[in-house]
Protein backbone atom coordinates (compact mmCIF):
# COMPACT_ATOMS: atom_id res chain seq x y z
CA UNK A 1 146.04 77.76 120.44
CA UNK A 2 144.06 79.00 123.45
CA UNK A 3 141.21 80.11 121.20
CA UNK A 4 142.86 83.42 120.28
CA UNK A 5 141.85 83.22 116.68
CA UNK A 6 138.33 81.96 117.23
CA UNK A 7 136.58 79.16 115.50
CA UNK A 8 136.47 78.86 111.75
CA UNK A 9 133.25 80.15 110.25
CA UNK A 10 131.08 78.02 107.99
CA UNK A 11 131.50 78.64 104.31
CA UNK A 12 129.08 81.03 102.68
CA UNK A 13 126.57 79.54 100.24
CA UNK A 14 127.57 79.74 96.60
CA UNK A 15 126.11 82.26 94.20
CA UNK A 16 124.10 79.54 92.48
CA UNK A 17 122.65 78.38 95.80
CA UNK A 18 121.62 81.94 96.67
CA UNK A 19 119.97 82.42 93.27
CA UNK A 20 118.11 79.11 93.58
CA UNK A 21 116.91 80.04 97.08
CA UNK A 22 115.77 83.49 95.89
CA UNK A 23 113.86 81.95 92.97
CA UNK A 24 112.18 79.46 95.30
CA UNK A 25 111.18 82.26 97.68
CA UNK A 26 109.81 84.31 94.78
CA UNK A 27 107.76 81.38 93.47
CA UNK A 28 106.35 80.73 96.95
CA UNK A 29 105.43 84.41 97.39
CA UNK A 30 103.76 84.52 93.95
CA UNK A 31 101.73 81.45 94.85
CA UNK A 32 100.64 82.92 98.21
CA UNK A 33 99.79 86.38 96.86
CA UNK A 34 98.18 85.23 93.65
CA UNK A 35 98.78 86.34 90.09
CA UNK A 36 95.65 88.54 90.04
CA UNK A 37 96.82 90.56 93.04
CA UNK A 38 100.30 90.96 91.61
CA UNK A 39 98.85 92.23 88.34
CA UNK A 40 96.53 94.64 90.19
CA UNK A 41 99.51 96.03 92.13
CA UNK A 42 101.54 96.38 88.93
CA UNK A 43 98.65 98.25 87.27
CA UNK A 44 98.27 100.56 90.27
CA UNK A 45 102.00 101.34 90.28
CA UNK A 46 101.97 102.02 86.54
CA UNK A 47 98.98 104.32 87.00
CA UNK A 48 100.84 106.25 89.72
CA UNK A 49 103.80 106.75 87.38
CA UNK A 50 101.53 108.53 84.90
CA UNK A 51 102.28 112.29 85.16
CA UNK A 52 98.59 113.12 84.66
CA UNK A 53 97.49 110.89 87.57
CA UNK A 54 96.12 112.61 90.67
CA UNK A 55 95.02 110.72 93.75
CA UNK A 56 91.69 111.38 95.44
CA UNK A 57 93.51 113.17 98.24
CA UNK A 58 95.26 115.53 95.83
CA UNK A 59 91.97 116.22 94.05
CA UNK A 60 90.24 117.00 97.37
CA UNK A 61 93.04 119.35 98.48
CA UNK A 62 92.90 121.19 95.16
CA UNK A 63 89.11 121.48 95.39
CA UNK A 64 89.35 122.93 98.91
CA UNK A 65 92.04 125.41 97.82
CA UNK A 66 89.75 126.66 95.07
CA UNK A 67 86.74 127.07 97.37
CA UNK A 68 85.75 130.32 99.03
CA UNK A 69 87.79 130.68 102.25
CA UNK A 70 84.78 131.83 104.26
CA UNK A 71 82.79 128.79 103.16
CA UNK A 72 85.63 126.46 104.20
CA UNK A 73 85.97 128.21 107.56
CA UNK A 74 82.21 127.91 108.21
CA UNK A 75 82.25 124.20 107.42
CA UNK A 76 85.24 123.64 109.69
CA UNK A 77 83.49 125.49 112.55
CA UNK A 78 80.40 123.34 112.10
CA UNK A 79 82.53 120.20 112.03
CA UNK A 80 84.40 121.19 115.21
CA UNK A 81 81.15 122.04 117.02
CA UNK A 82 79.78 118.57 116.27
CA UNK A 83 82.62 116.95 118.17
């Protein structure tokens, strides 16, 4: 009646249809990425979860913190003069 209530919306896909679509998308993504890359990413993530793991950046920051402050300042001055 005069369009007051709007048009009826299409039905939502069923749970099974959504699961099937998600599985198809996952299989397609696995095929595109490759099993080797997925395994490498999983290994890298597992390595990061290790409490003893320190990235190269963290190691470099720690090394700089432990250096003589005058030595660090001299190197920074030389670096800034080169630019």
